[in-house]
């Protein structure tokens, strides 16, 4: 998995004790579990320390309620969104990280970071859009990349800015 840094926010979270929070969902009749890194911040409360690859409605930095179930914290709801949005990019079959990297610069300049996975035949990237970024400009870059055939993208979570 590749990742770019998210600055001081990550440094503060990384200093604390990390755990995994399980997100359970049902896709096409099959149970799916995504485990996300998180830091305990209160009783059954966790601050997410990475961006989701499959889960919708949460982003890096969000505080979630996850009581213990079968020895692990399991997500039941969002307590606080902290301004980050998440978009996902899936490359065409046969494309590699170098293909993604050659088109990454405009998103990086807008303040985004990413986590990547090559687990399936099509590389998948979770793009974190911090609250300081222009989410409209980010969306335009993602749309342009999809139109050019560089990737397909989806919105996993949009956090409205005040």
C-alpha atoms as a PDB file:
ATOM      1  CA  UNK A   1       0.000   0.000   0.000  1.00  0.00           C
ATOM      2  CA  UNK A   2       1.310   3.463  -0.881  1.00  0.00           C
ATOM      3  CA  UNK A   3       0.481   6.615   1.011  1.00  0.00           C
ATOM      4  CA  UNK A   4       1.343  10.265   1.035  1.00  0.00           C
ATOM      5  CA  UNK A   5       1.542  12.257   4.242  1.00  0.00           C
ATOM      6  CA  UNK A   6      -1.245  14.381   5.601  1.00  0.00           C
ATOM      7  CA  UNK A   7       0.922  16.688   7.716  1.00  0.00           C
ATOM      8  CA  UNK A   8       0.521  17.561  11.368  1.00  0.00           C
ATOM      9  CA  UNK A   9      -2.936  15.985  11.696  1.00  0.00           C
ATOM     10  CA  UNK A  10      -1.472  12.562  10.925  1.00  0.00           C
ATOM     11  CA  UNK A  11       1.524  13.138  13.188  1.00  0.00           C
ATOM     12  CA  UNK A  12      -0.756  13.845  16.157  1.00  0.00           C
ATOM     13  CA  UNK A  13      -2.895  10.780  15.494  1.00  0.00           C
ATOM     14  CA  UNK A  14       0.101   8.525  14.817  1.00  0.00           C
ATOM     15  CA  UNK A  15       1.552   9.321  18.257  1.00  0.00           C
ATOM     16  CA  UNK A  16      -1.490   7.798  19.950  1.00  0.00           C
ATOM     17  CA  UNK A  17      -2.261   4.094  20.271  1.00  0.00           C
ATOM     18  CA  UNK A  18      -3.789   2.742  17.057  1.00  0.00           C
ATOM     19  CA  UNK A  19      -6.373   0.000  16.710  1.00  0.00           C
ATOM     20  CA  UNK A  20      -8.613  -1.312  13.956  1.00  0.00           C
ATOM     21  CA  UNK A  21     -12.316  -0.505  13.640  1.00  0.00           C
ATOM     22  CA  UNK A  22     -14.412  -2.938  11.615  1.00  0.00           C
ATOM     23  CA  UNK A  23     -17.011  -1.655   9.159  1.00  0.00           C
ATOM     24  CA  UNK A  24     -19.541  -4.300   8.183  1.00  0.00           C
ATOM     25  CA  UNK A  25     -21.581  -4.077   4.998  1.00  0.00           C
ATOM     26  CA  UNK A  26     -23.490  -6.285   2.621  1.00  0.00           C
ATOM     27  CA  UNK A  27     -22.630  -6.221  -1.076  1.00  0.00           C
ATOM     28  CA  UNK A  28     -24.583  -8.392  -3.493  1.00  0.00           C
ATOM     29  CA  UNK A  29     -25.758 -10.595  -0.652  1.00  0.00           C
ATOM     30  CA  UNK A  30     -22.274 -11.176   0.768  1.00  0.00           C
ATOM     31  CA  UNK A  31     -20.970  -9.854   4.072  1.00  0.00           C
ATOM     32  CA  UNK A  32     -18.008  -7.518   3.568  1.00  0.00           C
ATOM     33  CA  UNK A  33     -15.680  -6.235   6.289  1.00  0.00           C
ATOM     34  CA  UNK A  34     -13.318  -3.292   5.915  1.00  0.00           C
ATOM     35  CA  UNK A  35     -10.954  -2.705   8.805  1.00  0.00           C
ATOM     36  CA  UNK A  36      -9.725   0.867   9.194  1.00  0.00           C
ATOM     37  CA  UNK A  37      -6.912   2.208  11.366  1.00  0.00           C
ATOM     38  CA  UNK A  38      -8.210   4.390  14.170  1.00  0.00           C
ATOM     39  CA  UNK A  39      -7.156   5.954  17.450  1.00  0.00           C
ATOM     40  CA  UNK A  40      -9.290   5.665  20.588  1.00  0.00           C
ATOM     41  CA  UNK A  41     -10.508   9.111  21.667  1.00  0.00           C
ATOM     42  CA  UNK A  42     -13.151   8.175  24.255  1.00  0.00           C
ATOM     43  CA  UNK A  43     -15.372   5.358  25.402  1.00  0.00           C
ATOM     44  CA  UNK A  44     -16.255   3.472  22.197  1.00  0.00           C
ATOM     45  CA  UNK A  45     -15.128   6.516  20.167  1.00  0.00           C
ATOM     46  CA  UNK A  46     -12.371   6.374  17.540  1.00  0.00           C
ATOM     47  CA  UNK A  47     -10.747   8.881  15.206  1.00  0.00           C
ATOM     48  CA  UNK A  48     -10.185   7.318  11.757  1.00  0.00           C
ATOM     49  CA  UNK A  49      -6.543   7.296  10.715  1.00  0.00           C
ATOM     50  CA  UNK A  50      -6.881   6.306   7.076  1.00  0.00           C
ATOM     51  CA  UNK A  51      -9.243   6.705   4.137  1.00  0.00           C
ATOM     52  CA  UNK A  52     -11.778   4.009   3.282  1.00  0.00           C
ATOM     53  CA  UNK A  53     -11.394   1.850   0.178  1.00  0.00           C
ATOM     54  CA  UNK A  54     -14.926   0.448   0.273  1.00  0.00           C
ATOM     55  CA  UNK A  55     -16.981   2.098   3.036  1.00  0.00           C
ATOM     56  CA  UNK A  56     -19.206   5.077   2.233  1.00  0.00           C
ATOM     57  CA  UNK A  57     -20.054   8.024   4.472  1.00  0.00           C
ATOM     58  CA  UNK A  58     -16.808   8.363   6.441  1.00  0.00           C
ATOM     59  CA  UNK A  59     -13.433   9.987   5.849  1.00  0.00           C
ATOM     60  CA  UNK A  60     -10.018  10.355   7.421  1.00  0.00           C
ATOM     61  CA  UNK A  61     -10.229  12.162  10.772  1.00  0.00           C
ATOM     62  CA  UNK A  62     -13.911  11.442  11.420  1.00  0.00           C
ATOM     63  CA  UNK A  63     -14.859  10.361  14.929  1.00  0.00           C
ATOM     64  CA  UNK A  64     -16.957   7.202  14.913  1.00  0.00           C
ATOM     65  CA  UNK A  65     -18.881   5.251  17.534  1.00  0.00           C
ATOM     66  CA  UNK A  66     -17.716   1.627  17.571  1.00  0.00           C
ATOM     67  CA  UNK A  67     -18.637  -0.486  20.601  1.00  0.00           C
ATOM     68  CA  UNK A  68     -16.809  -3.749  21.152  1.00  0.00           C
ATOM     69  CA  UNK A  69     -18.340  -6.815  19.520  1.00  0.00           C
ATOM     70  CA  UNK A  70     -16.616 -10.207  19.474  1.00  0.00           C
ATOM     71  CA  UNK A  71     -13.432  -8.601  20.819  1.00  0.00           C
ATOM     72  CA  UNK A  72     -13.162  -5.794  18.263  1.00  0.00           C
ATOM     73  CA  UNK A  73     -14.624  -2.297  17.826  1.00  0.00           C
ATOM     74  CA  UNK A  74     -17.411  -2.389  15.229  1.00  0.00           C
ATOM     75  CA  UNK A  75     -18.730   0.775  13.576  1.00  0.00           C
ATOM     76  CA  UNK A  76     -22.304   1.785  14.352  1.00  0.00           C
ATOM     77  CA  UNK A  77     -22.297   5.476  13.451  1.00  0.00           C
ATOM     78  CA  UNK A  78     -20.475   8.742  12.856  1.00  0.00           C
ATOM     79  CA  UNK A  79     -20.238  11.042  15.855  1.00  0.00           C
ATOM     80  CA  UNK A  80     -18.388  13.899  14.116  1.00  0.00           C
ATOM     81  CA  UNK A  81     -17.280  14.645  10.577  1.00  0.00           C
ATOM     82  CA  UNK A  82     -14.103  16.707  10.650  1.00  0.00           C
ATOM     83  CA  UNK A  83     -14.225  18.213   7.190  1.00  0.00           C
ATOM     84  CA  UNK A  84     -12.427  15.638   5.042  1.00  0.00           C
ATOM     85  CA  UNK A  85     -14.008  14.186   1.901  1.00  0.00           C
ATOM     86  CA  UNK A  86     -13.119  10.883   0.237  1.00  0.00           C
ATOM     87  CA  UNK A  87     -13.095  10.010  -3.449  1.00  0.00           C
ATOM     88  CA  UNK A  88     -12.011   6.722  -4.979  1.00  0.00           C
ATOM     89  CA  UNK A  89     -10.177   6.188  -8.241  1.00  0.00           C
ATOM     90  CA  UNK A  90      -9.992   2.821 -10.009  1.00  0.00           C
ATOM     91  CA  UNK A  91      -7.516   2.438 -12.858  1.00  0.00           C
ATOM     92  CA  UNK A  92      -8.274   0.515 -16.048  1.00  0.00           C
ATOM     93  CA  UNK A  93      -7.204  -3.143 -16.088  1.00  0.00           C
ATOM     94  CA  UNK A  94      -3.492  -3.440 -16.800  1.00  0.00           C
ATOM     95  CA  UNK A  95      -2.643   0.074 -15.546  1.00  0.00           C
ATOM     96  CA  UNK A  96      -0.075   0.362 -12.773  1.00  0.00           C
ATOM     97  CA  UNK A  97       0.911   2.875 -10.138  1.00  0.00           C
ATOM     98  CA  UNK A  98       3.111   4.762 -12.627  1.00  0.00           C
ATOM     99  CA  UNK A  99      -0.012   5.472 -14.700  1.00  0.00           C
ATOM    100  CA  UNK A 100      -1.702   6.970 -11.644  1.00  0.00           C
ATOM    101  CA  UNK A 101       1.414   8.890 -10.575  1.00  0.00           C
ATOM    102  CA  UNK A 102       1.752  10.685 -13.910  1.00  0.00           C
ATOM    103  CA  UNK A 103      -1.695  12.257 -13.360  1.00  0.00           C
ATOM    104  CA  UNK A 104      -1.460  12.791  -9.584  1.00  0.00           C
ATOM    105  CA  UNK A 105       0.260  16.201  -9.492  1.00  0.00           C
ATOM    106  CA  UNK A 106      -2.855  18.421  -9.907  1.00  0.00           C
ATOM    107  CA  UNK A 107      -4.559  16.653  -6.992  1.00  0.00           C
ATOM    108  CA  UNK A 108      -1.444  16.892  -4.850  1.00  0.00           C
ATOM    109  CA  UNK A 109      -1.220  20.621  -5.608  1.00  0.00           C
ATOM    110  CA  UNK A 110      -4.793  20.949  -4.343  1.00  0.00           C
ATOM    111  CA  UNK A 111      -3.704  19.434  -1.003  1.00  0.00           C
ATOM    112  CA  UNK A 112      -4.971  15.878  -1.504  1.00  0.00           C
ATOM    113  CA  UNK A 113      -3.261  12.709  -0.332  1.00  0.00           C
ATOM    114  CA  UNK A 114      -3.913   9.081  -1.246  1.00  0.00           C
ATOM    115  CA  UNK A 115      -3.676   5.493  -0.196  1.00  0.00           C
ATOM    116  CA  UNK A 116      -3.343   2.868  -2.897  1.00  0.00           C
ATOM    117  CA  UNK A 117      -4.110  -0.815  -3.200  1.00  0.00           C
ATOM    118  CA  UNK A 118      -3.100  -3.319  -5.839  1.00  0.00           C
ATOM    119  CA  UNK A 119      -5.060  -6.203  -4.304  1.00  0.00           C
ATOM    120  CA  UNK A 120      -7.354  -6.686  -7.307  1.00  0.00           C
ATOM    121  CA  UNK A 121      -6.631  -6.676 -11.027  1.00  0.00           C
ATOM    122  CA  UNK A 122      -7.511  -2.960 -11.136  1.00  0.00           C
ATOM    123  CA  UNK A 123      -5.542  -0.656  -8.837  1.00  0.00           C
ATOM    124  CA  UNK A 124      -7.686   1.300  -6.395  1.00  0.00           C
ATOM    125  CA  UNK A 125      -6.868   4.618  -4.725  1.00  0.00           C
ATOM    126  CA  UNK A 126      -8.641   6.325  -1.820  1.00  0.00           C
ATOM    127  CA  UNK A 127      -8.174  10.080  -2.228  1.00  0.00           C
ATOM    128  CA  UNK A 128      -8.359  12.237   0.905  1.00  0.00           C
ATOM    129  CA  UNK A 129      -9.521  15.819   0.352  1.00  0.00           C
ATOM    130  CA  UNK A 130      -8.789  17.865   3.488  1.00  0.00           C
ATOM    131  CA  UNK A 131     -11.078  20.714   4.563  1.00  0.00           C
ATOM    132  CA  UNK A 132      -8.519  23.266   3.329  1.00  0.00           C
ATOM    133  CA  UNK A 133      -8.735  21.980  -0.261  1.00  0.00           C
ATOM    134  CA  UNK A 134     -11.046  23.312  -2.976  1.00  0.00           C
ATOM    135  CA  UNK A 135     -13.301  20.277  -3.338  1.00  0.00           C
ATOM    136  CA  UNK A 136     -14.902  21.685  -6.515  1.00  0.00           C
ATOM    137  CA  UNK A 137     -11.470  21.921  -8.169  1.00  0.00           C
ATOM    138  CA  UNK A 138     -10.632  18.384  -6.989  1.00  0.00           C
ATOM    139  CA  UNK A 139     -13.893  17.061  -8.442  1.00  0.00           C
ATOM    140  CA  UNK A 140     -13.097  18.750 -11.774  1.00  0.00           C
ATOM    141  CA  UNK A 141      -9.658  17.083 -11.924  1.00  0.00           C
ATOM    142  CA  UNK A 142     -11.268  13.711 -11.178  1.00  0.00           C
ATOM    143  CA  UNK A 143     -13.946  14.258 -13.852  1.00  0.00           C
ATOM    144  CA  UNK A 144     -11.330  15.312 -16.411  1.00  0.00           C
ATOM    145  CA  UNK A 145      -9.269  12.190 -15.616  1.00  0.00           C
ATOM    146  CA  UNK A 146     -12.311   9.983 -16.078  1.00  0.00           C
ATOM    147  CA  UNK A 147     -13.162  11.687 -19.393  1.00  0.00           C
ATOM    148  CA  UNK A 148      -9.583  11.130 -20.557  1.00  0.00           C
ATOM    149  CA  UNK A 149      -9.817   7.417 -19.678  1.00  0.00           C
ATOM    150  CA  UNK A 150      -7.149   7.573 -16.969  1.00  0.00           C
ATOM    151  CA  UNK A 151      -9.498   6.240 -14.303  1.00  0.00           C
ATOM    152  CA  UNK A 152     -13.052   5.826 -13.079  1.00  0.00           C
ATOM    153  CA  UNK A 153     -13.921   7.691  -9.901  1.00  0.00           C
ATOM    154  CA  UNK A 154     -16.648   7.750  -7.284  1.00  0.00           C
ATOM    155  CA  UNK A 155     -17.568   9.882  -4.332  1.00  0.00           C
ATOM    156  CA  UNK A 156     -17.329   7.858  -1.121  1.00  0.00           C
ATOM    157  CA  UNK A 157     -18.038  10.761   1.221  1.00  0.00           C
ATOM    158  CA  UNK A 158     -18.481  14.485   0.659  1.00  0.00           C
ATOM    159  CA  UNK A 159     -18.235  16.677   3.727  1.00  0.00           C
ATOM    160  CA  UNK A 160     -19.965  20.021   3.136  1.00  0.00           C
ATOM    161  CA  UNK A 161     -17.866  22.978   4.173  1.00  0.00           C
ATOM    162  CA  UNK A 162     -19.416  25.730   6.327  1.00  0.00           C
END
